[in-house]
Amino acid sequence: MDKPISEYRLGEDHEALTLAGLDDNIAVVDAMAGQARRTFDLFTRDLEPRLYDREPFYQALRQLAISSRNVEIRVLIMDSDRIVKEGHRLVDLGRRLSTYIKFRKVADDYREMACSFLVADVRGYLYRGLAIEYEGEADFYNPYRARELAREFEEIWQHSQPDPNLRQLHI
């Protein structure tokens, strides 16, 4: 990396970043969430609390959600059991801003996928081939790869349904 992750700009800095641990992932997640202006798609096994249940990420997505009527934040989750039991900031935010933040349970046909990824404004992405590890790649401006992941996300989204566990939280 030529500079600290926090200095990369979504839609401007094209550099393939190799992520080597939790701290790198946190820096990318926070930067992309904080810089996204229209869309934020997240494919995750269990909303990984070490990444997505932190105040900086919560504040970044909250700001994104309230910034415009055209914002769309979508989360595909494989297993919501733990977050239903323990709670999660993103789920709480989704309850309050349900017009802008949507959750779906990953359809059975896609449950064997081992990866985790996010796509911000179909410009930048973070991808981990094994969701249980923090090694991965990111790029703040790679529209080709971001569109590829966005298409994959859209396909899974269309085949998935709202998560009944998360719907219960809306009562």
C-alpha atoms as a PDB file:
ATOM      1  CA  MET A   1       0.000   0.000   0.000  1.00  0.00           C
ATOM      2  CA  ASP A   2       1.329   3.368  -0.977  1.00  0.00           C
ATOM      3  CA  LYS A   3      -0.558   5.231   1.764  1.00  0.00           C
ATOM      4  CA  PRO A   4      -2.781   4.560   4.771  1.00  0.00           C
ATOM      5  CA  ILE A   5      -6.118   2.990   3.836  1.00  0.00           C
ATOM      6  CA  SER A   6      -7.986   5.931   5.344  1.00  0.00           C
ATOM      7  CA  GLU A   7      -6.522   8.186   2.620  1.00  0.00           C
ATOM      8  CA  TYR A   8      -7.893   6.142  -0.296  1.00  0.00           C
ATOM      9  CA  ARG A   9     -10.881   7.694  -2.080  1.00  0.00           C
ATOM     10  CA  LEU A  10     -13.832   5.724  -3.395  1.00  0.00           C
ATOM     11  CA  GLY A  11     -14.143   6.191  -7.131  1.00  0.00           C
ATOM     12  CA  GLU A  12     -10.660   7.697  -7.448  1.00  0.00           C
ATOM     13  CA  ASP A  13      -7.851   5.496  -6.130  1.00  0.00           C
ATOM     14  CA  HIS A  14      -7.327   2.383  -8.225  1.00  0.00           C
ATOM     15  CA  GLU A  15      -4.875   0.168  -6.444  1.00  0.00           C
ATOM     16  CA  ALA A  16      -5.329  -3.494  -5.610  1.00  0.00           C
ATOM     17  CA  LEU A  17      -4.891  -3.658  -1.857  1.00  0.00           C
ATOM     18  CA  THR A  18      -3.919  -6.886  -0.123  1.00  0.00           C
ATOM     19  CA  LEU A  19      -5.620  -7.134   3.244  1.00  0.00           C
ATOM     20  CA  ALA A  20      -3.665  -9.059   5.838  1.00  0.00           C
ATOM     21  CA  GLY A  21      -5.753  -8.926   8.978  1.00  0.00           C
ATOM     22  CA  LEU A  22      -8.654  -7.533  10.946  1.00  0.00           C
ATOM     23  CA  ASP A  23      -7.237  -4.005  11.152  1.00  0.00           C
ATOM     24  CA  ASP A  24      -6.902  -3.741   7.348  1.00  0.00           C
ATOM     25  CA  ASN A  25     -10.473  -4.981   6.922  1.00  0.00           C
ATOM     26  CA  ILE A  26     -11.809  -2.504   9.486  1.00  0.00           C
ATOM     27  CA  ALA A  27     -10.022   0.371   7.764  1.00  0.00           C
ATOM     28  CA  VAL A  28     -11.467  -0.546   4.344  1.00  0.00           C
ATOM     29  CA  VAL A  29     -14.981  -1.203   5.671  1.00  0.00           C
ATOM     30  CA  ASP A  30     -15.088   2.120   7.505  1.00  0.00           C
ATOM     31  CA  ALA A  31     -13.604   4.093   4.606  1.00  0.00           C
ATOM     32  CA  MET A  32     -15.918   2.610   1.981  1.00  0.00           C
ATOM     33  CA  ALA A  33     -19.021   2.927   4.155  1.00  0.00           C
ATOM     34  CA  GLY A  34     -18.079   6.502   4.971  1.00  0.00           C
ATOM     35  CA  GLN A  35     -17.513   7.444   1.331  1.00  0.00           C
ATOM     36  CA  ALA A  36     -20.403   5.582  -0.352  1.00  0.00           C
ATOM     37  CA  ARG A  37     -23.107   7.891  -1.701  1.00  0.00           C
ATOM     38  CA  ARG A  38     -25.697   5.631  -3.346  1.00  0.00           C
ATOM     39  CA  THR A  39     -25.374   1.910  -2.725  1.00  0.00           C
ATOM     40  CA  PHE A  40     -23.761  -0.412  -0.240  1.00  0.00           C
ATOM     41  CA  ASP A  41     -24.182  -4.172  -0.702  1.00  0.00           C
ATOM     42  CA  LEU A  42     -22.870  -6.604   1.892  1.00  0.00           C
ATOM     43  CA  PHE A  43     -22.691 -10.404   1.588  1.00  0.00           C
ATOM     44  CA  THR A  44     -21.838 -11.916   4.970  1.00  0.00           C
ATOM     45  CA  ARG A  45     -22.133 -15.140   6.918  1.00  0.00           C
ATOM     46  CA  ASP A  46     -23.274 -13.663  10.247  1.00  0.00           C
ATOM     47  CA  LEU A  47     -22.761  -9.873  10.172  1.00  0.00           C
ATOM     48  CA  GLU A  48     -19.323 -10.416  11.705  1.00  0.00           C
ATOM     49  CA  PRO A  49     -19.487  -8.259  14.847  1.00  0.00           C
ATOM     50  CA  ARG A  50     -15.736  -7.526  14.820  1.00  0.00           C
ATOM     51  CA  LEU A  51     -16.236  -5.756  11.470  1.00  0.00           C
ATOM     52  CA  TYR A  52     -19.823  -4.575  11.308  1.00  0.00           C
ATOM     53  CA  ASP A  53     -20.965  -4.090  14.919  1.00  0.00           C
ATOM     54  CA  ARG A  54     -18.741  -1.126  15.686  1.00  0.00           C
ATOM     55  CA  GLU A  55     -19.689   2.490  16.238  1.00  0.00           C
ATOM     56  CA  PRO A  56     -17.664   3.980  13.308  1.00  0.00           C
ATOM     57  CA  PHE A  57     -19.300   1.603  10.820  1.00  0.00           C
ATOM     58  CA  TYR A  58     -22.731   2.170  12.350  1.00  0.00           C
ATOM     59  CA  GLN A  59     -22.317   5.951  12.082  1.00  0.00           C
ATOM     60  CA  ALA A  60     -21.063   5.750   8.485  1.00  0.00           C
ATOM     61  CA  LEU A  61     -24.044   3.653   7.346  1.00  0.00           C
ATOM     62  CA  ARG A  62     -26.451   5.769   9.353  1.00  0.00           C
ATOM     63  CA  GLN A  63     -25.135   8.882   7.621  1.00  0.00           C
ATOM     64  CA  LEU A  64     -25.375   7.182   4.232  1.00  0.00           C
ATOM     65  CA  ALA A  65     -28.955   6.057   4.884  1.00  0.00           C
ATOM     66  CA  ILE A  66     -30.175   9.521   5.856  1.00  0.00           C
ATOM     67  CA  SER A  67     -28.207  11.384   3.185  1.00  0.00           C
ATOM     68  CA  SER A  68     -30.654  10.860   0.300  1.00  0.00           C
ATOM     69  CA  ARG A  69     -33.932   9.206  -0.663  1.00  0.00           C
ATOM     70  CA  ASN A  70     -32.087   7.312  -3.399  1.00  0.00           C
ATOM     71  CA  VAL A  71     -29.763   5.384  -1.085  1.00  0.00           C
ATOM     72  CA  GLU A  72     -29.958   1.602  -1.009  1.00  0.00           C
ATOM     73  CA  ILE A  73     -28.193  -0.512   1.610  1.00  0.00           C
ATOM     74  CA  ARG A  74     -28.692  -4.257   1.220  1.00  0.00           C
ATOM     75  CA  VAL A  75     -27.388  -7.059   3.394  1.00  0.00           C
ATOM     76  CA  LEU A  76     -27.403 -10.744   2.493  1.00  0.00           C
ATOM     77  CA  ILE A  77     -26.832 -12.866   5.578  1.00  0.00           C
ATOM     78  CA  MET A  78     -26.436 -16.632   5.849  1.00  0.00           C
ATOM     79  CA  ASP A  79     -26.995 -17.090   9.575  1.00  0.00           C
ATOM     80  CA  SER A  80     -28.771 -14.541  11.750  1.00  0.00           C
ATOM     81  CA  ASP A  81     -29.146 -16.704  14.876  1.00  0.00           C
ATOM     82  CA  ARG A  82     -26.248 -15.142  16.789  1.00  0.00           C
ATOM     83  CA  ILE A  83     -27.197 -11.545  16.042  1.00  0.00           C
ATOM     84  CA  VAL A  84     -30.804 -12.218  17.025  1.00  0.00           C
ATOM     85  CA  LYS A  85     -29.599 -13.563  20.396  1.00  0.00           C
ATOM     86  CA  GLU A  86     -26.835 -11.038  21.039  1.00  0.00           C
ATOM     87  CA  GLY A  87     -28.050  -7.943  19.199  1.00  0.00           C
ATOM     88  CA  HIS A  88     -26.241  -5.949  16.526  1.00  0.00           C
ATOM     89  CA  ARG A  89     -26.005  -2.225  15.759  1.00  0.00           C
ATOM     90  CA  LEU A  90     -26.659  -2.703  12.034  1.00  0.00           C
ATOM     91  CA  VAL A  91     -29.862  -4.662  12.679  1.00  0.00           C
ATOM     92  CA  ASP A  92     -31.028  -1.956  15.084  1.00  0.00           C
ATOM     93  CA  LEU A  93     -30.277   0.685  12.462  1.00  0.00           C
ATOM     94  CA  GLY A  94     -32.139  -1.344   9.852  1.00  0.00           C
ATOM     95  CA  ARG A  95     -35.215  -1.435  12.086  1.00  0.00           C
ATOM     96  CA  ARG A  96     -35.219   2.358  12.348  1.00  0.00           C
ATOM     97  CA  LEU A  97     -34.362   3.031   8.699  1.00  0.00           C
ATOM     98  CA  SER A  98     -36.089   0.078   7.015  1.00  0.00           C
ATOM     99  CA  THR A  99     -36.846   2.101   3.874  1.00  0.00           C
ATOM    100  CA  TYR A 100     -33.131   2.325   3.126  1.00  0.00           C
ATOM    101  CA  ILE A 101     -31.642  -0.768   4.782  1.00  0.00           C
ATOM    102  CA  LYS A 102     -32.867  -4.218   3.721  1.00  0.00           C
ATOM    103  CA  PHE A 103     -31.871  -7.665   4.953  1.00  0.00           C
ATOM    104  CA  ARG A 104     -32.372 -11.017   3.258  1.00  0.00           C
ATOM    105  CA  LYS A 105     -31.443 -14.546   4.216  1.00  0.00           C
ATOM    106  CA  VAL A 106     -29.208 -16.170   1.601  1.00  0.00           C
ATOM    107  CA  ALA A 107     -31.123 -18.741  -0.463  1.00  0.00           C
ATOM    108  CA  ASP A 108     -30.179 -22.386   0.037  1.00  0.00           C
ATOM    109  CA  ASP A 109     -28.606 -22.598  -3.425  1.00  0.00           C
ATOM    110  CA  TYR A 110     -25.905 -20.122  -2.334  1.00  0.00           C
ATOM    111  CA  ARG A 111     -25.301 -21.207   1.248  1.00  0.00           C
ATOM    112  CA  GLU A 112     -22.136 -23.143   0.389  1.00  0.00           C
ATOM    113  CA  MET A 113     -20.346 -19.957  -0.684  1.00  0.00           C
ATOM    114  CA  ALA A 114     -17.330 -19.479   1.560  1.00  0.00           C
ATOM    115  CA  CYS A 115     -16.651 -15.843   0.688  1.00  0.00           C
ATOM    116  CA  SER A 116     -17.653 -12.509   2.138  1.00  0.00           C
ATOM    117  CA  PHE A 117     -17.736  -9.253   0.182  1.00  0.00           C
ATOM    118  CA  LEU A 118     -19.046  -5.746  -0.015  1.00  0.00           C
ATOM    119  CA  VAL A 119     -19.543  -3.381  -2.934  1.00  0.00           C
ATOM    120  CA  ALA A 120     -19.741   0.391  -2.447  1.00  0.00           C
ATOM    121  CA  ASP A 121     -21.355   2.506  -5.190  1.00  0.00           C
ATOM    122  CA  VAL A 122     -20.449  -0.213  -7.724  1.00  0.00           C
ATOM    123  CA  ARG A 123     -16.980   1.343  -7.775  1.00  0.00           C
ATOM    124  CA  GLY A 124     -15.104  -0.120  -4.837  1.00  0.00           C
ATOM    125  CA  TYR A 125     -15.136  -3.507  -3.201  1.00  0.00           C
ATOM    126  CA  LEU A 126     -13.718  -5.675  -0.455  1.00  0.00           C
ATOM    127  CA  TYR A 127     -13.532  -9.421  -1.105  1.00  0.00           C
ATOM    128  CA  ARG A 128     -12.443 -12.270   1.175  1.00  0.00           C
ATOM    129  CA  GLY A 129     -12.374 -15.731  -0.372  1.00  0.00           C
ATOM    130  CA  LEU A 130     -12.832 -17.306   3.050  1.00  0.00           C
ATOM    131  CA  ALA A 131     -15.228 -15.363   5.236  1.00  0.00           C
ATOM    132  CA  ILE A 132     -13.764 -16.913   8.374  1.00  0.00           C
ATOM    133  CA  GLU A 133     -10.377 -15.315   7.678  1.00  0.00           C
ATOM    134  CA  TYR A 134      -9.319 -11.692   7.293  1.00  0.00           C
ATOM    135  CA  GLU A 135      -7.044 -12.129   4.299  1.00  0.00           C
ATOM    136  CA  GLY A 136      -8.514 -10.562   1.212  1.00  0.00           C
ATOM    137  CA  GLU A 137      -8.370  -7.842  -1.397  1.00  0.00           C
ATOM    138  CA  ALA A 138      -9.908  -4.437  -1.857  1.00  0.00           C
ATOM    139  CA  ASP A 139      -9.885  -1.659  -4.411  1.00  0.00           C
ATOM    140  CA  PHE A 140     -11.456   1.779  -4.062  1.00  0.00           C
ATOM    141  CA  TYR A 141     -11.851   2.189  -7.808  1.00  0.00           C
ATOM    142  CA  ASN A 142     -12.200  -0.929  -9.880  1.00  0.00           C
ATOM    143  CA  PRO A 143     -15.604  -0.613 -11.583  1.00  0.00           C
ATOM    144  CA  TYR A 144     -15.096  -3.816 -13.587  1.00  0.00           C
ATOM    145  CA  ARG A 145     -14.583  -6.040 -10.516  1.00  0.00           C
ATOM    146  CA  ALA A 146     -17.155  -4.076  -8.504  1.00  0.00           C
ATOM    147  CA  ARG A 147     -19.792  -4.606 -11.240  1.00  0.00           C
ATOM    148  CA  GLU A 148     -18.916  -8.302 -11.352  1.00  0.00           C
ATOM    149  CA  LEU A 149     -19.488  -8.631  -7.596  1.00  0.00           C
ATOM    150  CA  ALA A 150     -22.609  -6.430  -7.781  1.00  0.00           C
ATOM    151  CA  ARG A 151     -24.091  -8.747 -10.435  1.00  0.00           C
ATOM    152  CA  GLU A 152     -23.329 -11.763  -8.250  1.00  0.00           C
ATOM    153  CA  PHE A 153     -24.909 -10.003  -5.272  1.00  0.00           C
ATOM    154  CA  GLU A 154     -28.010  -9.106  -7.327  1.00  0.00           C
ATOM    155  CA  GLU A 155     -28.456 -12.702  -8.482  1.00  0.00           C
ATOM    156  CA  ILE A 156     -28.308 -13.986  -4.902  1.00  0.00           C
ATOM    157  CA  TRP A 157     -30.566 -11.144  -3.703  1.00  0.00           C
ATOM    158  CA  GLN A 158     -33.237 -12.015  -6.266  1.00  0.00           C
ATOM    159  CA  HIS A 159     -33.272 -15.648  -5.127  1.00  0.00           C
ATOM    160  CA  SER A 160     -33.255 -14.844  -1.406  1.00  0.00           C
ATOM    161  CA  GLN A 161     -36.093 -13.953   0.958  1.00  0.00           C
ATOM    162  CA  PRO A 162     -36.472 -11.636   3.950  1.00  0.00           C
ATOM    163  CA  ASP A 163     -35.043 -13.306   7.040  1.00  0.00           C
ATOM    164  CA  PRO A 164     -37.894 -14.289   9.382  1.00  0.00           C
ATOM    165  CA  ASN A 165     -35.539 -13.938  12.390  1.00  0.00           C
ATOM    166  CA  LEU A 166     -34.846 -10.335  11.490  1.00  0.00           C
ATOM    167  CA  ARG A 167     -38.484  -9.627  10.700  1.00  0.00           C
ATOM    168  CA  GLN A 168     -39.335 -10.625  14.281  1.00  0.00           C
ATOM    169  CA  LEU A 169     -37.070  -7.846  15.465  1.00  0.00           C
ATOM    170  CA  HIS A 170     -39.310  -5.312  13.705  1.00  0.00           C
ATOM    171  CA  ILE A 171     -42.279  -5.944  16.024  1.00  0.00           C
END
